[in-house]
Amino acid sequence: GCTVKLSAKAGAGGRLFGAVTSQEISAALSEQYGIVIAKNKIVQDEPIKQFGTYQVKCKLGYEITGTINVVVKED
């Protein structure tokens, strides 16, 4: 249970320009913790399009999953 912090730009109402992708989460995880998880192993139930805290699942192996806490804040 590590927390990945991402910053993004948003328009009116706090909606992001685009969405936070699995690639961005994977890169931030590698940069912040030195943990390498391929972007296709990160499973998002729905796209992250607003600021806040989210829990994202990742598939680590056969029937082994983990949870990544993602915090999206304003850039």
PDB file of N, CA and C in Angstrom:
ATOM      1  N   GLY A   1       0.799  -1.187   0.000  1.00  0.00           N
ATOM      2  CA  GLY A   1       0.000   0.000   0.000  1.00  0.00           C
ATOM      3  C   GLY A   1       0.842   1.251   0.000  1.00  0.00           C
ATOM      4  N   CYS A   2       1.433   1.601  -1.128  1.00  0.00           N
ATOM      5  CA  CYS A   2       2.163   2.865  -1.218  1.00  0.00           C
ATOM      6  C   CYS A   2       1.273   3.906  -1.899  1.00  0.00           C
ATOM      7  N   THR A   3       1.591   5.156  -1.652  1.00  0.00           N
ATOM      8  CA  THR A   3       0.803   6.252  -2.210  1.00  0.00           C
ATOM      9  C   THR A   3       1.609   6.961  -3.292  1.00  0.00           C
ATOM     10  N   VAL A   4       1.057   7.001  -4.491  1.00  0.00           N
ATOM     11  CA  VAL A   4       1.691   7.662  -5.621  1.00  0.00           C
ATOM     12  C   VAL A   4       1.035   9.030  -5.765  1.00  0.00           C
ATOM     13  N   LYS A   5       1.858  10.071  -5.825  1.00  0.00           N
ATOM     14  CA  LYS A   5       1.335  11.430  -5.961  1.00  0.00           C
ATOM     15  C   LYS A   5       1.556  11.919  -7.387  1.00  0.00           C
ATOM     16  N   LEU A   6       0.483  12.369  -8.011  1.00  0.00           N
ATOM     17  CA  LEU A   6       0.531  12.904  -9.362  1.00  0.00           C
ATOM     18  C   LEU A   6      -0.054  14.304  -9.366  1.00  0.00           C
ATOM     19  N   SER A   7       0.472  15.161 -10.216  1.00  0.00           N
ATOM     20  CA  SER A   7      -0.122  16.490 -10.374  1.00  0.00           C
ATOM     21  C   SER A   7      -0.621  16.624 -11.798  1.00  0.00           C
ATOM     22  N   ALA A   8      -1.720  17.348 -11.946  1.00  0.00           N
ATOM     23  CA  ALA A   8      -2.332  17.508 -13.261  1.00  0.00           C
ATOM     24  C   ALA A   8      -2.973  18.878 -13.365  1.00  0.00           C
ATOM     25  N   LYS A   9      -3.200  19.295 -14.585  1.00  0.00           N
ATOM     26  CA  LYS A   9      -3.872  20.567 -14.838  1.00  0.00           C
ATOM     27  C   LYS A   9      -5.359  20.294 -15.056  1.00  0.00           C
ATOM     28  N   ALA A  10      -6.186  21.252 -14.606  1.00  0.00           N
ATOM     29  CA  ALA A  10      -7.627  21.062 -14.738  1.00  0.00           C
ATOM     30  C   ALA A  10      -8.294  22.347 -15.179  1.00  0.00           C
ATOM     31  N   GLY A  11      -9.496  22.182 -15.691  1.00  0.00           N
ATOM     32  CA  GLY A  11     -10.298  23.322 -16.105  1.00  0.00           C
ATOM     33  C   GLY A  11     -11.313  23.664 -15.034  1.00  0.00           C
ATOM     34  N   ALA A  12     -12.371  24.274 -15.448  1.00  0.00           N
ATOM     35  CA  ALA A  12     -13.431  24.672 -14.521  1.00  0.00           C
ATOM     36  C   ALA A  12     -14.070  23.453 -13.872  1.00  0.00           C
ATOM     37  N   GLY A  13     -14.390  23.568 -12.601  1.00  0.00           N
ATOM     38  CA  GLY A  13     -15.054  22.474 -11.895  1.00  0.00           C
ATOM     39  C   GLY A  13     -14.119  21.366 -11.454  1.00  0.00           C
ATOM     40  N   GLY A  14     -12.809  21.551 -11.613  1.00  0.00           N
ATOM     41  CA  GLY A  14     -11.854  20.549 -11.155  1.00  0.00           C
ATOM     42  C   GLY A  14     -11.708  19.341 -12.054  1.00  0.00           C
ATOM     43  N   ARG A  15     -12.289  19.383 -13.252  1.00  0.00           N
ATOM     44  CA  ARG A  15     -12.138  18.259 -14.183  1.00  0.00           C
ATOM     45  C   ARG A  15     -10.812  18.383 -14.910  1.00  0.00           C
ATOM     46  N   LEU A  16     -10.095  17.276 -14.992  1.00  0.00           N
ATOM     47  CA  LEU A  16      -8.778  17.273 -15.615  1.00  0.00           C
ATOM     48  C   LEU A  16      -8.879  17.412 -17.128  1.00  0.00           C
ATOM     49  N   PHE A  17      -7.823  17.959 -17.722  1.00  0.00           N
ATOM     50  CA  PHE A  17      -7.692  17.957 -19.178  1.00  0.00           C
ATOM     51  C   PHE A  17      -7.198  16.553 -19.531  1.00  0.00           C
ATOM     52  N   GLY A  18      -8.075  15.700 -20.019  1.00  0.00           N
ATOM     53  CA  GLY A  18      -7.713  14.314 -20.268  1.00  0.00           C
ATOM     54  C   GLY A  18      -7.920  13.496 -19.005  1.00  0.00           C
ATOM     55  N   ALA A  19      -7.232  12.373 -18.910  1.00  0.00           N
ATOM     56  CA  ALA A  19      -7.360  11.489 -17.753  1.00  0.00           C
ATOM     57  C   ALA A  19      -5.974  11.011 -17.334  1.00  0.00           C
ATOM     58  N   VAL A  20      -5.865  10.565 -16.091  1.00  0.00           N
ATOM     59  CA  VAL A  20      -4.616   9.981 -15.605  1.00  0.00           C
ATOM     60  C   VAL A  20      -4.545   8.560 -16.164  1.00  0.00           C
ATOM     61  N   THR A  21      -3.462   8.245 -16.866  1.00  0.00           N
ATOM     62  CA  THR A  21      -3.340   6.947 -17.530  1.00  0.00           C
ATOM     63  C   THR A  21      -2.529   5.959 -16.694  1.00  0.00           C
ATOM     64  N   SER A  22      -2.633   4.699 -17.054  1.00  0.00           N
ATOM     65  CA  SER A  22      -1.835   3.657 -16.406  1.00  0.00           C
ATOM     66  C   SER A  22      -0.351   3.917 -16.606  1.00  0.00           C
ATOM     67  N   GLN A  23       0.007   4.461 -17.772  1.00  0.00           N
ATOM     68  CA  GLN A  23       1.405   4.792 -18.063  1.00  0.00           C
ATOM     69  C   GLN A  23       1.927   5.828 -17.074  1.00  0.00           C
ATOM     70  N   GLU A  24       1.123   6.855 -16.779  1.00  0.00           N
ATOM     71  CA  GLU A  24       1.535   7.892 -15.837  1.00  0.00           C
ATOM     72  C   GLU A  24       1.691   7.329 -14.426  1.00  0.00           C
ATOM     73  N   ILE A  25       0.781   6.444 -14.032  1.00  0.00           N
ATOM     74  CA  ILE A  25       0.866   5.820 -12.713  1.00  0.00           C
ATOM     75  C   ILE A  25       2.108   4.951 -12.631  1.00  0.00           C
ATOM     76  N   SER A  26       2.381   4.163 -13.678  1.00  0.00           N
ATOM     77  CA  SER A  26       3.549   3.296 -13.724  1.00  0.00           C
ATOM     78  C   SER A  26       4.839   4.104 -13.629  1.00  0.00           C
ATOM     79  N   ALA A  27       4.916   5.213 -14.384  1.00  0.00           N
ATOM     80  CA  ALA A  27       6.114   6.059 -14.374  1.00  0.00           C
ATOM     81  C   ALA A  27       6.317   6.709 -13.008  1.00  0.00           C
ATOM     82  N   ALA A  28       5.237   7.184 -12.386  1.00  0.00           N
ATOM     83  CA  ALA A  28       5.338   7.818 -11.067  1.00  0.00           C
ATOM     84  C   ALA A  28       5.746   6.809 -10.005  1.00  0.00           C
ATOM     85  N   LEU A  29       5.245   5.599 -10.098  1.00  0.00           N
ATOM     86  CA  LEU A  29       5.601   4.542  -9.151  1.00  0.00           C
ATOM     87  C   LEU A  29       7.084   4.220  -9.244  1.00  0.00           C
ATOM     88  N   SER A  30       7.598   4.154 -10.458  1.00  0.00           N
ATOM     89  CA  SER A  30       9.009   3.890 -10.676  1.00  0.00           C
ATOM     90  C   SER A  30       9.872   5.040 -10.164  1.00  0.00           C
ATOM     91  N   GLU A  31       9.455   6.273 -10.451  1.00  0.00           N
ATOM     92  CA  GLU A  31      10.217   7.458 -10.056  1.00  0.00           C
ATOM     93  C   GLU A  31      10.216   7.669  -8.542  1.00  0.00           C
ATOM     94  N   GLN A  32       9.054   7.495  -7.910  1.00  0.00           N
ATOM     95  CA  GLN A  32       8.916   7.809  -6.489  1.00  0.00           C
ATOM     96  C   GLN A  32       9.382   6.685  -5.571  1.00  0.00           C
ATOM     97  N   TYR A  33       9.238   5.426  -6.009  1.00  0.00           N
ATOM     98  CA  TYR A  33       9.557   4.297  -5.127  1.00  0.00           C
ATOM     99  C   TYR A  33      10.559   3.308  -5.710  1.00  0.00           C
ATOM    100  N   GLY A  34      10.904   3.452  -6.989  1.00  0.00           N
ATOM    101  CA  GLY A  34      11.816   2.506  -7.617  1.00  0.00           C
ATOM    102  C   GLY A  34      11.171   1.159  -7.901  1.00  0.00           C
ATOM    103  N   ILE A  35       9.844   1.125  -7.900  1.00  0.00           N
ATOM    104  CA  ILE A  35       9.095  -0.110  -8.159  1.00  0.00           C
ATOM    105  C   ILE A  35       8.644  -0.091  -9.615  1.00  0.00           C
ATOM    106  N   VAL A  36       8.979  -1.139 -10.350  1.00  0.00           N
ATOM    107  CA  VAL A  36       8.618  -1.198 -11.762  1.00  0.00           C
ATOM    108  C   VAL A  36       7.437  -2.153 -11.940  1.00  0.00           C
ATOM    109  N   ILE A  37       6.315  -1.589 -12.371  1.00  0.00           N
ATOM    110  CA  ILE A  37       5.128  -2.379 -12.707  1.00  0.00           C
ATOM    111  C   ILE A  37       4.702  -1.927 -14.097  1.00  0.00           C
ATOM    112  N   ALA A  38       4.597  -2.879 -15.004  1.00  0.00           N
ATOM    113  CA  ALA A  38       4.221  -2.550 -16.385  1.00  0.00           C
ATOM    114  C   ALA A  38       2.834  -1.925 -16.415  1.00  0.00           C
ATOM    115  N   LYS A  39       2.636  -0.992 -17.350  1.00  0.00           N
ATOM    116  CA  LYS A  39       1.359  -0.272 -17.421  1.00  0.00           C
ATOM    117  C   LYS A  39       0.179  -1.207 -17.688  1.00  0.00           C
ATOM    118  N   ASN A  40       0.409  -2.324 -18.379  1.00  0.00           N
ATOM    119  CA  ASN A  40      -0.692  -3.244 -18.657  1.00  0.00           C
ATOM    120  C   ASN A  40      -1.070  -4.087 -17.434  1.00  0.00           C
ATOM    121  N   LYS A  41      -0.290  -4.012 -16.375  1.00  0.00           N
ATOM    122  CA  LYS A  41      -0.606  -4.725 -15.131  1.00  0.00           C
ATOM    123  C   LYS A  41      -1.465  -3.864 -14.195  1.00  0.00           C
ATOM    124  N   ILE A  42      -1.581  -2.565 -14.515  1.00  0.00           N
ATOM    125  CA  ILE A  42      -2.358  -1.652 -13.681  1.00  0.00           C
ATOM    126  C   ILE A  42      -3.781  -1.590 -14.224  1.00  0.00           C
ATOM    127  N   VAL A  43      -4.747  -1.892 -13.360  1.00  0.00           N
ATOM    128  CA  VAL A  43      -6.144  -1.989 -13.764  1.00  0.00           C
ATOM    129  C   VAL A  43      -6.940  -0.835 -13.153  1.00  0.00           C
ATOM    130  N   GLN A  44      -7.497  -0.003 -14.017  1.00  0.00           N
ATOM    131  CA  GLN A  44      -8.341   1.099 -13.559  1.00  0.00           C
ATOM    132  C   GLN A  44      -9.796   0.750 -13.844  1.00  0.00           C
ATOM    133  N   ASP A  45     -10.632   0.766 -12.791  1.00  0.00           N
ATOM    134  CA  ASP A  45     -12.051   0.480 -12.979  1.00  0.00           C
ATOM    135  C   ASP A  45     -12.710   1.536 -13.859  1.00  0.00           C
ATOM    136  N   GLU A  46     -12.310   2.782 -13.657  1.00  0.00           N
ATOM    137  CA  GLU A  46     -12.814   3.880 -14.471  1.00  0.00           C
ATOM    138  C   GLU A  46     -11.710   4.916 -14.600  1.00  0.00           C
ATOM    139  N   PRO A  47     -11.724   5.714 -15.652  1.00  0.00           N
ATOM    140  CA  PRO A  47     -10.669   6.717 -15.830  1.00  0.00           C
ATOM    141  C   PRO A  47     -10.667   7.742 -14.695  1.00  0.00           C
ATOM    142  N   ILE A  48      -9.489   8.185 -14.314  1.00  0.00           N
ATOM    143  CA  ILE A  48      -9.354   9.213 -13.285  1.00  0.00           C
ATOM    144  C   ILE A  48      -9.395  10.564 -13.991  1.00  0.00           C
ATOM    145  N   LYS A  49     -10.465  11.328 -13.747  1.00  0.00           N
ATOM    146  CA  LYS A  49     -10.658  12.589 -14.447  1.00  0.00           C
ATOM    147  C   LYS A  49     -10.859  13.769 -13.503  1.00  0.00           C
ATOM    148  N   GLN A  50     -10.669  13.565 -12.187  1.00  0.00           N
ATOM    149  CA  GLN A  50     -10.818  14.647 -11.227  1.00  0.00           C
ATOM    150  C   GLN A  50      -9.739  14.531 -10.162  1.00  0.00           C
ATOM    151  N   PHE A  51      -9.512  15.642  -9.447  1.00  0.00           N
ATOM    152  CA  PHE A  51      -8.572  15.600  -8.333  1.00  0.00           C
ATOM    153  C   PHE A  51      -9.145  14.720  -7.238  1.00  0.00           C
ATOM    154  N   GLY A  52      -8.258  14.141  -6.439  1.00  0.00           N
ATOM    155  CA  GLY A  52      -8.716  13.337  -5.310  1.00  0.00           C
ATOM    156  C   GLY A  52      -7.811  12.155  -5.076  1.00  0.00           C
ATOM    157  N   THR A  53      -8.272  11.249  -4.225  1.00  0.00           N
ATOM    158  CA  THR A  53      -7.536  10.040  -3.875  1.00  0.00           C
ATOM    159  C   THR A  53      -8.277   8.834  -4.441  1.00  0.00           C
ATOM    160  N   TYR A  54      -7.537   7.955  -5.074  1.00  0.00           N
ATOM    161  CA  TYR A  54      -8.123   6.782  -5.723  1.00  0.00           C
ATOM    162  C   TYR A  54      -7.332   5.538  -5.346  1.00  0.00           C
ATOM    163  N   GLN A  55      -7.995   4.388  -5.392  1.00  0.00           N
ATOM    164  CA  GLN A  55      -7.318   3.110  -5.216  1.00  0.00           C
ATOM    165  C   GLN A  55      -7.351   2.390  -6.552  1.00  0.00           C
ATOM    166  N   VAL A  56      -6.175   2.001  -7.024  1.00  0.00           N
ATOM    167  CA  VAL A  56      -6.046   1.335  -8.315  1.00  0.00           C
ATOM    168  C   VAL A  56      -5.432  -0.038  -8.069  1.00  0.00           C
ATOM    169  N   LYS A  57      -6.011  -1.057  -8.669  1.00  0.00           N
ATOM    170  CA  LYS A  57      -5.497  -2.417  -8.494  1.00  0.00           C
ATOM    171  C   LYS A  57      -4.407  -2.702  -9.521  1.00  0.00           C
ATOM    172  N   CYS A  58      -3.483  -3.588  -9.148  1.00  0.00           N
ATOM    173  CA  CYS A  58      -2.469  -4.021 -10.098  1.00  0.00           C
ATOM    174  C   CYS A  58      -2.313  -5.530  -9.977  1.00  0.00           C
ATOM    175  N   LYS A  59      -2.097  -6.172 -11.119  1.00  0.00           N
ATOM    176  CA  LYS A  59      -1.905  -7.624 -11.172  1.00  0.00           C
ATOM    177  C   LYS A  59      -0.412  -7.894 -11.103  1.00  0.00           C
ATOM    178  N   LEU A  60       0.016  -8.542 -10.038  1.00  0.00           N
ATOM    179  CA  LEU A  60       1.441  -8.789  -9.831  1.00  0.00           C
ATOM    180  C   LEU A  60       1.885 -10.170 -10.281  1.00  0.00           C
ATOM    181  N   GLY A  61       0.966 -11.082 -10.371  1.00  0.00           N
ATOM    182  CA  GLY A  61       1.291 -12.447 -10.772  1.00  0.00           C
ATOM    183  C   GLY A  61       0.025 -13.268 -10.786  1.00  0.00           C
ATOM    184  N   TYR A  62       0.172 -14.568 -10.875  1.00  0.00           N
ATOM    185  CA  TYR A  62      -0.981 -15.455 -10.932  1.00  0.00           C
ATOM    186  C   TYR A  62      -1.773 -15.332  -9.641  1.00  0.00           C
ATOM    187  N   GLU A  63      -2.988 -14.801  -9.731  1.00  0.00           N
ATOM    188  CA  GLU A  63      -3.890 -14.597  -8.599  1.00  0.00           C
ATOM    189  C   GLU A  63      -3.288 -13.752  -7.479  1.00  0.00           C
ATOM    190  N   ILE A  64      -2.290 -12.933  -7.805  1.00  0.00           N
ATOM    191  CA  ILE A  64      -1.691 -12.033  -6.819  1.00  0.00           C
ATOM    192  C   ILE A  64      -1.965 -10.604  -7.283  1.00  0.00           C
ATOM    193  N   THR A  65      -2.663  -9.851  -6.433  1.00  0.00           N
ATOM    194  CA  THR A  65      -2.970  -8.469  -6.780  1.00  0.00           C
ATOM    195  C   THR A  65      -2.512  -7.551  -5.659  1.00  0.00           C
ATOM    196  N   GLY A  66      -2.364  -6.308  -5.993  1.00  0.00           N
ATOM    197  CA  GLY A  66      -2.000  -5.294  -5.020  1.00  0.00           C
ATOM    198  C   GLY A  66      -2.837  -4.058  -5.248  1.00  0.00           C
ATOM    199  N   THR A  67      -2.742  -3.127  -4.333  1.00  0.00           N
ATOM    200  CA  THR A  67      -3.483  -1.876  -4.444  1.00  0.00           C
ATOM    201  C   THR A  67      -2.506  -0.710  -4.383  1.00  0.00           C
ATOM    202  N   ILE A  68      -2.656   0.215  -5.296  1.00  0.00           N
ATOM    203  CA  ILE A  68      -1.850   1.424  -5.314  1.00  0.00           C
ATOM    204  C   ILE A  68      -2.782   2.584  -4.985  1.00  0.00           C
ATOM    205  N   ASN A  69      -2.410   3.378  -4.008  1.00  0.00           N
ATOM    206  CA  ASN A  69      -3.170   4.578  -3.693  1.00  0.00           C
ATOM    207  C   ASN A  69      -2.629   5.710  -4.560  1.00  0.00           C
ATOM    208  N   VAL A  70      -3.501   6.349  -5.305  1.00  0.00           N
ATOM    209  CA  VAL A  70      -3.110   7.415  -6.215  1.00  0.00           C
ATOM    210  C   VAL A  70      -3.754   8.717  -5.741  1.00  0.00           C
ATOM    211  N   VAL A  71      -2.917   9.723  -5.514  1.00  0.00           N
ATOM    212  CA  VAL A  71      -3.404  11.039  -5.125  1.00  0.00           C
ATOM    213  C   VAL A  71      -3.141  11.988  -6.290  1.00  0.00           C
ATOM    214  N   VAL A  72      -4.220  12.581  -6.812  1.00  0.00           N
ATOM    215  CA  VAL A  72      -4.103  13.527  -7.913  1.00  0.00           C
ATOM    216  C   VAL A  72      -4.383  14.922  -7.352  1.00  0.00           C
ATOM    217  N   LYS A  73      -3.399  15.802  -7.510  1.00  0.00           N
ATOM    218  CA  LYS A  73      -3.549  17.170  -7.001  1.00  0.00           C
ATOM    219  C   LYS A  73      -3.293  18.166  -8.128  1.00  0.00           C
ATOM    220  N   GLU A  74      -3.663  19.416  -7.891  1.00  0.00           N
ATOM    221  CA  GLU A  74      -3.540  20.440  -8.917  1.00  0.00           C
ATOM    222  C   GLU A  74      -2.085  20.808  -9.148  1.00  0.00           C
ATOM    223  N   ASP A  75      -1.745  20.974 -10.409  1.00  0.00           N
ATOM    224  CA  ASP A  75      -0.386  21.313 -10.818  1.00  0.00           C
ATOM    225  C   ASP A  75      -0.099  22.785 -10.600  1.00  0.00           C
TER     226      ASP A  75
END
